[in-house]
Amino acid sequence: MRLGGVPAAFAARIDEIEQGPSVWKVVHLDLSDTPTVVLALASCAVALHTLNLNRCRALTDVSALAGCTALHTLELTSCVALADVSALKSCAALHTLDLISCQALTDVSALASCAALHTLDLSGCLALADVSPLAGCAALHTLDLSQCLVLADVSSLAGCATLHTLDLSYNDVITDVSALAGCAALHTLGLSECSALADAGGLKGCKALHQLDLYHCQALADVSALAGCKALHTLMLYGCGALANVSGLAGCAALHTLDLSGCSALVDVSALAGCKALHTLNLSECRALTDVSALAECAALHTLNLSWCGALADVTGLAGCAALHTLDLNHCGALADVSALAGCAALHTLYLEH
C-alpha cells in the first residue's frame, strides 16, 4: 500500500492505520530492506507502536524517532551503518529493541533512559566495547551480547537486578564474570565459546541460575564455584578440554541434565554422586575416564552416554542405577565385561557397537 507522497520504492507495509484529522496515525510499519529510508514518515506517526527497519543499510541514525513516544518494538537488524541511536532516549515506552549486527554501533548510552526496556538484542555488534549504560535499564529482562567480540568488561551488569536471560557467547576477551553474582534474578546464562574464560568462580552467587551453557570454553579448568548454584537444572560443559574434574557439582542437588561430552581431560566424576536428581548425563568422548562407580548414587539417572570412552574398562558401578533406561557404550574399546548390567532392571536400550 502507498501513503500519499510516499514513493513506491519505500515498499511500506502497513498493518493498521488510523486516519486522524490531520495526520496518519500509523501503528505498525514495516520499512525493512528499503534502500533509502526517509524517517520523517516515522516521525509523523505519533501512535507508532511497532517499526521494522531491518537491513536498511544506508541508515546512520534514528533521530527522526525522537517523537515516537508510543514506540514499543523497534527492529534494526543489519543496519550496518547505524552509529547513532541517541534519539531513543526519548522513547520512554520502548519495550523490545533489536540491534543485531549493527556493526558500526559503539555507543548505547541513550538506552539508560529507556526505563521500560525489557528485551535487548545487541548480538553481532562487533565494535561495541562498553555496556555500562545498561545498568540504568531497571526493567531489563533479556539481553543478548553474543558475538560482541571486543566486549571485555561486563561488570556494569551487576546493576541489572531484573535480568533473567543473558547471552555472552562467542567472545574471546571476557575473563571475569564475577559481577554477574549481582544479578539475583538471573535464570539462563550463555557463556559458550568464551575461549579466555578460565574460572566460573563469579557465578557462585547466582542462586536463581537454572540453565548454564559453558560449552567449548577451552580454558575452563575449574567449576567448583557452581556448588553455590543450588537451582541449577541444566549444565552444558561439552568440549571443555581443560576440565579434569567436576568437584563443585556435588552441591548441585537440582541438576537434571549435564553434558560433559568431549571433555578429554576429565578423569574424576566422583562428585556426581551428590547429584541426586540427575536424569540425563552425556560423558561421550571423555577418553581419559576410567571410573564411573560414583554414578551408582544417581538414583534418578535415566539416560547415560559413555560412547567413545576408550579407557573405560569397568561398568560394574552402574548396577546400582535402578532407573537407568538408555545406555550408550558404543566404541568403548577397553570394555570387555558388561555382565554387571544385569542389575539394571529398568534398562530398555543398550548400545554396544565397537
Protein backbone atom coordinates (compact mmCIF):
# COMPACT_ATOMS: atom_id res chain seq x y z
CA MET A 1 0.00 0.00 0.00
CA ARG A 2 1.14 3.58 -0.64
CA LEU A 3 0.73 6.57 1.60
CA GLY A 4 0.20 9.95 -0.01
CA GLY A 5 3.50 11.48 -1.05
CA VAL A 6 5.49 8.36 -0.22
CA PRO A 7 7.30 6.80 -3.24
CA ALA A 8 6.54 3.18 -4.05
CA ALA A 9 10.24 2.37 -3.52
CA PHE A 10 9.68 2.56 0.21
CA ALA A 11 7.51 -0.54 -0.03
CA ALA A 12 5.84 0.31 3.28
CA ARG A 13 3.68 -2.46 4.61
CA ILE A 14 1.02 -1.13 6.93
CA ASP A 15 -0.83 -3.47 9.25
CA GLU A 16 -3.07 -0.93 10.91
CA ILE A 17 -3.74 2.72 10.14
CA GLU A 18 -5.97 5.20 11.89
CA GLN A 19 -6.60 8.39 9.96
CA GLY A 20 -6.76 11.31 12.34
CA PRO A 21 -7.99 14.78 11.45
CA SER A 22 -4.57 15.96 10.24
CA VAL A 23 -2.09 13.09 10.37
CA TRP A 24 -1.85 9.40 9.55
CA LYS A 25 -1.58 7.55 12.84
CA VAL A 26 0.46 4.53 11.83
CA VAL A 27 0.55 1.80 14.45
CA HIS A 28 2.58 -0.95 12.71
CA LEU A 29 5.06 -0.02 10.00
CA ASP A 30 7.48 -2.23 8.03
CA LEU A 31 10.21 -0.48 6.06
CA SER A 32 12.68 -3.36 6.08
CA ASP A 33 15.04 -3.77 3.10
CA THR A 34 14.28 -0.22 1.95
CA PRO A 35 17.30 1.17 0.06
CA THR A 36 16.76 4.69 1.38
CA VAL A 37 14.63 5.50 4.38
CA VAL A 38 13.02 8.87 4.96
CA LEU A 39 12.35 8.61 8.67
CA ALA A 40 10.29 11.78 8.56
CA LEU A 41 7.49 9.36 7.82
CA ALA A 42 8.05 7.64 11.13
CA SER A 43 8.29 10.93 12.98
CA CYS A 44 4.78 11.75 11.82
CA ALA A 45 3.49 8.53 13.28
CA VAL A 46 2.52 9.74 16.72
CA ALA A 47 0.82 6.42 17.54
CA LEU A 48 3.63 4.23 16.15
CA HIS A 49 3.88 1.02 18.19
CA THR A 50 6.00 -1.32 16.02
CA LEU A 51 8.63 -0.31 13.48
CA ASN A 52 10.70 -2.66 11.31
CA LEU A 53 13.81 -1.12 9.74
CA ASN A 54 15.77 -4.35 9.31
CA ARG A 55 18.50 -4.28 6.67
CA CYS A 56 18.18 -0.57 5.95
CA ARG A 57 21.89 -0.49 5.21
CA ALA A 58 22.13 3.25 4.48
CA LEU A 59 20.63 4.25 7.81
CA THR A 60 23.17 6.05 10.04
CA ASP A 61 20.92 7.46 12.77
CA VAL A 62 17.37 7.27 14.08
CA SER A 63 16.98 10.92 15.02
CA ALA A 64 13.52 11.12 13.48
CA LEU A 65 12.21 8.64 16.04
CA ALA A 66 12.59 11.12 18.89
CA GLY A 67 8.89 11.96 18.59
CA CYS A 68 7.70 8.36 18.70
CA THR A 69 6.79 8.35 22.36
CA ALA A 70 4.47 5.33 21.99
CA LEU A 71 7.07 3.15 20.26
CA HIS A 72 7.07 -0.34 21.83
CA THR A 73 9.04 -2.54 19.41
CA LEU A 74 11.90 -1.44 17.14
CA GLU A 75 13.81 -3.73 14.79
CA LEU A 76 17.12 -2.55 13.34
CA THR A 77 18.85 -5.81 12.43
CA SER A 78 21.77 -5.48 9.99
CA CYS A 79 21.63 -1.70 9.77
CA VAL A 80 25.37 -1.89 9.24
CA ALA A 81 25.95 1.89 9.02
CA LEU A 82 23.92 2.76 12.11
CA ALA A 83 26.16 4.57 14.60
CA ASP A 84 23.82 6.94 16.43
CA VAL A 85 20.84 5.78 18.50
CA SER A 86 20.80 8.79 20.83
CA ALA A 87 17.26 9.70 19.79
CA LEU A 88 15.95 6.59 21.51
CA LYS A 89 16.37 8.21 24.90
CA SER A 90 13.01 9.90 24.35
CA CYS A 91 11.26 6.60 23.56
CA ALA A 92 10.06 6.05 27.11
CA ALA A 93 7.69 3.21 26.16
CA LEU A 94 10.29 1.17 24.26
CA HIS A 95 9.99 -2.48 25.35
CA THR A 96 11.81 -4.53 22.70
CA LEU A 97 14.85 -3.38 20.74
CA ASP A 98 16.70 -5.38 18.13
CA LEU A 99 20.13 -4.10 17.10
CA ILE A 100 21.59 -7.36 15.78
CA SER A 101 24.70 -6.94 13.62
CA CYS A 102 24.75 -3.14 13.80
CA GLN A 103 28.47 -3.28 13.21
CA ALA A 104 29.16 0.47 13.43
CA LEU A 105 27.46 0.92 16.79
CA THR A 106 29.77 1.83 19.69
CA ASP A 107 27.57 3.93 21.98
CA VAL A 108 24.39 2.71 23.70
CA SER A 109 24.30 5.37 26.43
CA ALA A 110 20.89 6.60 25.27
CA LEU A 111 19.34 3.32 26.34
CA ALA A 112 19.87 4.19 30.00
CA SER A 113 16.83 6.45 29.63
CA CYS A 114 14.61 3.64 28.33
CA ALA A 115 13.08 2.73 31.67
CA ALA A 116 10.63 0.23 30.15
CA LEU A 117 13.20 -1.66 28.07
CA HIS A 118 12.60 -5.39 28.60
CA THR A 119 14.32 -7.20 25.73
CA LEU A 120 17.53 -6.03 24.04
CA ASP A 121 19.48 -7.84 21.34
CA LEU A 122 22.95 -6.48 20.61
CA SER A 123 24.41 -9.69 19.24
CA GLY A 124 26.95 -9.24 16.49
CA CYS A 125 27.66 -5.60 17.36
CA LEU A 126 31.33 -6.10 16.63
CA ALA A 127 32.52 -2.62 17.70
CA LEU A 128 30.61 -2.43 20.99
CA ALA A 129 33.01 -2.36 23.96
CA ASP A 130 31.01 -0.54 26.61
CA VAL A 131 27.67 -1.68 28.04
CA SER A 132 27.85 0.28 31.29
CA PRO A 133 24.80 2.41 30.38
CA LEU A 134 22.63 -0.71 30.55
CA ALA A 135 22.90 -0.61 34.34
CA GLY A 136 20.25 2.09 34.13
CA CYS A 137 17.74 -0.18 32.41
CA ALA A 138 15.80 -1.10 35.51
CA ALA A 139 13.30 -3.36 33.71
CA LEU A 140 15.78 -5.26 31.53
CA HIS A 141 14.83 -8.95 31.41
CA THR A 142 16.55 -10.43 28.35
CA LEU A 143 19.92 -9.32 26.97
CA ASP A 144 21.87 -10.83 24.08
CA LEU A 145 25.51 -9.76 23.80
CA SER A 146 26.77 -12.79 21.91
CA GLN A 147 29.41 -12.17 19.26
CA CYS A 148 30.29 -8.77 20.71
CA LEU A 149 33.91 -9.55 20.02
CA VAL A 150 35.59 -6.57 21.76
CA LEU A 151 33.39 -6.55 24.86
CA ALA A 152 35.69 -7.44 27.79
CA ASP A 153 34.02 -5.75 30.75
CA VAL A 154 30.56 -6.82 31.92
CA SER A 155 30.91 -5.55 35.49
CA SER A 156 28.18 -2.96 34.99
CA LEU A 157 25.59 -5.68 34.52
CA ALA A 158 25.67 -6.22 38.28
CA GLY A 159 23.19 -3.35 38.41
CA CYS A 160 20.62 -5.20 36.30
CA ALA A 161 18.60 -6.63 39.18
CA THR A 162 15.76 -7.91 36.98
CA LEU A 163 17.96 -9.58 34.34
CA HIS A 164 16.61 -13.09 33.66
CA THR A 165 18.35 -14.22 30.47
CA LEU A 166 21.85 -13.22 29.35
CA ASP A 167 23.92 -14.45 26.42
CA LEU A 168 27.64 -13.61 26.28
CA SER A 169 28.64 -16.45 23.97
CA TYR A 170 31.29 -16.35 21.25
CA ASN A 171 33.62 -13.93 22.98
CA ASP A 172 37.41 -14.33 23.11
CA VAL A 173 38.21 -11.49 25.55
CA ILE A 174 35.94 -11.96 28.58
CA THR A 175 37.90 -13.38 31.51
CA ASP A 176 35.84 -12.26 34.51
CA VAL A 177 32.12 -12.80 35.10
CA SER A 178 32.16 -12.22 38.85
CA ALA A 179 29.87 -9.21 38.50
CA LEU A 180 27.03 -11.50 37.46
CA ALA A 181 26.69 -12.58 41.08
CA GLY A 182 24.84 -9.30 41.50
CA CYS A 183 22.16 -10.40 39.04
CA ALA A 184 19.91 -12.02 41.62
CA ALA A 185 17.19 -12.94 39.12
CA LEU A 186 19.49 -14.48 36.51
CA HIS A 187 17.89 -17.71 35.27
CA THR A 188 19.59 -18.53 31.95
CA LEU A 189 23.20 -17.71 31.09
CA GLY A 190 25.12 -18.38 27.88
CA LEU A 191 28.93 -18.32 28.04
CA SER A 192 29.66 -20.87 25.34
CA GLU A 193 32.74 -20.39 23.16
CA CYS A 194 34.26 -17.88 25.62
CA SER A 195 37.78 -19.07 24.95
CA ALA A 196 39.54 -16.88 27.55
CA LEU A 197 37.26 -17.78 30.46
CA ALA A 198 39.22 -19.98 32.86
CA ASP A 199 37.23 -19.61 36.06
CA ALA A 200 33.50 -19.71 36.73
CA GLY A 201 34.03 -18.50 40.29
CA GLY A 202 31.94 -15.39 39.85
CA LEU A 203 28.81 -17.43 39.32
CA LYS A 204 28.62 -18.80 42.86
CA GLY A 205 26.26 -16.01 43.86
CA CYS A 206 23.75 -16.76 41.10
CA LYS A 207 21.27 -18.51 43.35
CA ALA A 208 18.44 -18.48 40.79
CA LEU A 209 20.52 -19.80 37.87
CA HIS A 210 18.62 -22.62 36.15
CA GLN A 211 20.42 -23.12 32.84
CA LEU A 212 24.12 -22.52 32.13
CA ASP A 213 25.92 -23.02 28.82
CA LEU A 214 29.73 -23.18 29.05
CA TYR A 215 30.44 -25.46 26.12
CA HIS A 216 33.72 -25.11 24.24
CA CYS A 217 35.26 -22.85 26.88
CA GLN A 218 38.68 -24.28 26.19
CA ALA A 219 40.47 -22.55 29.10
CA LEU A 220 37.88 -23.51 31.73
CA ALA A 221 39.51 -25.77 34.31
CA ASP A 222 37.52 -25.09 37.48
CA VAL A 223 33.76 -25.28 38.05
CA SER A 224 33.90 -25.66 41.82
CA ALA A 225 32.04 -22.38 42.32
CA LEU A 226 28.91 -23.87 40.77
CA ALA A 227 28.27 -25.58 44.10
CA GLY A 228 26.61 -22.31 45.06
CA CYS A 229 24.10 -22.55 42.20
CA LYS A 230 21.51 -24.53 44.11
CA ALA A 231 18.79 -24.11 41.46
CA LEU A 232 20.92 -25.26 38.51
CA HIS A 233 18.91 -27.65 36.33
CA THR A 234 20.76 -27.82 33.00
CA LEU A 235 24.53 -27.51 32.54
CA MET A 236 26.36 -27.71 29.21
CA LEU A 237 30.12 -28.23 29.52
CA TYR A 238 30.83 -30.22 26.40
CA GLY A 239 34.15 -29.60 24.70
CA CYS A 240 35.80 -28.03 27.77
CA GLY A 241 39.14 -29.65 27.09
CA ALA A 242 40.94 -28.37 30.21
CA LEU A 243 38.36 -29.63 32.69
CA ALA A 244 39.77 -32.53 34.73
CA ASN A 245 37.16 -32.82 37.49
CA VAL A 246 33.69 -31.59 38.38
CA SER A 247 34.10 -31.35 42.13
CA GLY A 248 31.80 -28.35 42.55
CA LEU A 249 28.83 -30.12 41.09
CA ALA A 250 28.30 -32.21 44.23
CA GLY A 251 26.34 -29.29 45.64
CA CYS A 252 24.00 -29.05 42.65
CA ALA A 253 21.20 -31.14 44.09
CA ALA A 254 18.68 -29.97 41.49
CA LEU A 255 20.87 -30.77 38.46
CA HIS A 256 18.80 -32.67 35.90
CA THR A 257 20.76 -32.54 32.63
CA LEU A 258 24.56 -32.50 32.32
CA ASP A 259 26.64 -32.63 29.15
CA LEU A 260 30.36 -33.29 29.59
CA SER A 261 30.98 -34.85 26.21
CA GLY A 262 34.35 -34.16 24.66
CA CYS A 263 35.95 -33.15 27.97
CA SER A 264 39.10 -35.01 27.03
CA ALA A 265 40.99 -34.29 30.29
CA LEU A 266 38.15 -35.39 32.59
CA VAL A 267 39.26 -38.21 34.91
CA ASP A 268 37.13 -37.70 38.02
CA VAL A 269 33.33 -37.67 38.12
CA SER A 270 33.02 -38.78 41.75
CA ALA A 271 31.32 -35.50 42.65
CA LEU A 272 28.29 -36.53 40.61
CA ALA A 273 27.31 -38.88 43.43
CA GLY A 274 25.81 -35.83 45.07
CA CYS A 275 23.58 -35.04 42.09
CA LYS A 276 20.56 -36.99 43.27
CA ALA A 277 18.20 -35.51 40.67
CA LEU A 278 20.48 -36.19 37.68
CA HIS A 279 18.37 -37.62 34.85
CA THR A 280 20.44 -37.23 31.68
CA LEU A 281 24.25 -37.44 31.56
CA ASN A 282 26.49 -37.28 28.49
CA LEU A 283 30.10 -38.40 29.00
CA SER A 284 30.82 -39.41 25.42
CA GLU A 285 34.38 -38.86 24.20
CA CYS A 286 35.74 -38.47 27.73
CA ARG A 287 38.72 -40.52 26.65
CA ALA A 288 40.63 -40.33 29.96
CA LEU A 289 37.72 -41.51 32.10
CA THR A 290 38.18 -44.91 33.77
CA ASP A 291 35.84 -44.87 36.78
CA VAL A 292 32.08 -44.27 36.75
CA SER A 293 31.27 -46.06 40.01
CA ALA A 294 30.01 -42.82 41.58
CA LEU A 295 27.03 -42.90 39.24
CA ALA A 296 25.54 -45.71 41.35
CA GLU A 297 24.42 -42.94 43.71
CA CYS A 298 22.43 -41.20 40.98
CA ALA A 299 19.14 -42.92 41.68
CA ALA A 300 17.21 -40.86 39.10
CA LEU A 301 19.66 -41.43 36.23
CA HIS A 302 17.63 -42.33 33.14
CA THR A 303 19.89 -41.73 30.14
CA LEU A 304 23.67 -42.19 30.10
CA ASN A 305 26.04 -41.79 27.16
CA LEU A 306 29.53 -43.27 27.61
CA SER A 307 30.33 -43.80 23.94
CA TRP A 308 33.93 -43.39 22.80
CA CYS A 309 35.25 -43.55 26.38
CA GLY A 310 38.22 -45.55 25.20
CA ALA A 311 39.85 -46.04 28.62
CA LEU A 312 36.71 -47.27 30.38
CA ALA A 313 37.04 -50.95 31.25
CA ASP A 314 34.63 -51.36 34.16
CA VAL A 315 30.92 -50.56 34.40
CA THR A 316 30.08 -52.61 37.48
CA GLY A 317 29.13 -49.44 39.33
CA LEU A 318 26.19 -48.93 37.00
CA ALA A 319 24.39 -51.91 38.53
CA GLY A 320 23.15 -49.53 41.20
CA CYS A 321 21.41 -47.26 38.67
CA ALA A 322 17.93 -48.61 39.25
CA ALA A 323 16.20 -46.11 36.93
CA LEU A 324 18.65 -46.41 34.02
CA HIS A 325 16.66 -46.69 30.80
CA THR A 326 19.10 -45.92 27.98
CA LEU A 327 22.84 -46.63 27.99
CA ASP A 328 25.28 -45.97 25.16
CA LEU A 329 28.57 -47.89 25.36
CA ASN A 330 29.43 -47.70 21.68
CA HIS A 331 33.15 -47.75 20.87
CA CYS A 332 34.33 -48.34 24.44
CA GLY A 333 37.29 -50.35 23.20
CA ALA A 334 38.66 -51.37 26.62
CA LEU A 335 35.32 -52.68 27.89
CA ALA A 336 35.12 -56.48 27.84
CA ASP A 337 32.56 -57.32 30.53
CA VAL A 338 29.06 -55.88 30.81
CA SER A 339 27.58 -58.65 32.97
CA ALA A 340 27.01 -56.18 35.80
CA LEU A 341 24.31 -54.52 33.73
CA ALA A 342 22.05 -57.44 34.58
CA GLY A 343 21.32 -55.50 37.73
CA CYS A 344 19.83 -52.60 35.77
CA ALA A 345 16.23 -53.81 35.90
CA ALA A 346 14.83 -50.78 34.06
CA LEU A 347 17.35 -50.87 31.20
CA HIS A 348 15.45 -50.62 27.93
CA THR A 349 18.01 -49.63 25.32
CA LEU A 350 21.69 -50.60 25.23
CA TYR A 351 24.18 -49.65 22.54
CA LEU A 352 27.32 -51.80 22.35
CA GLU A 353 28.73 -51.26 18.88
CA HIS A 354 32.52 -51.48 18.54
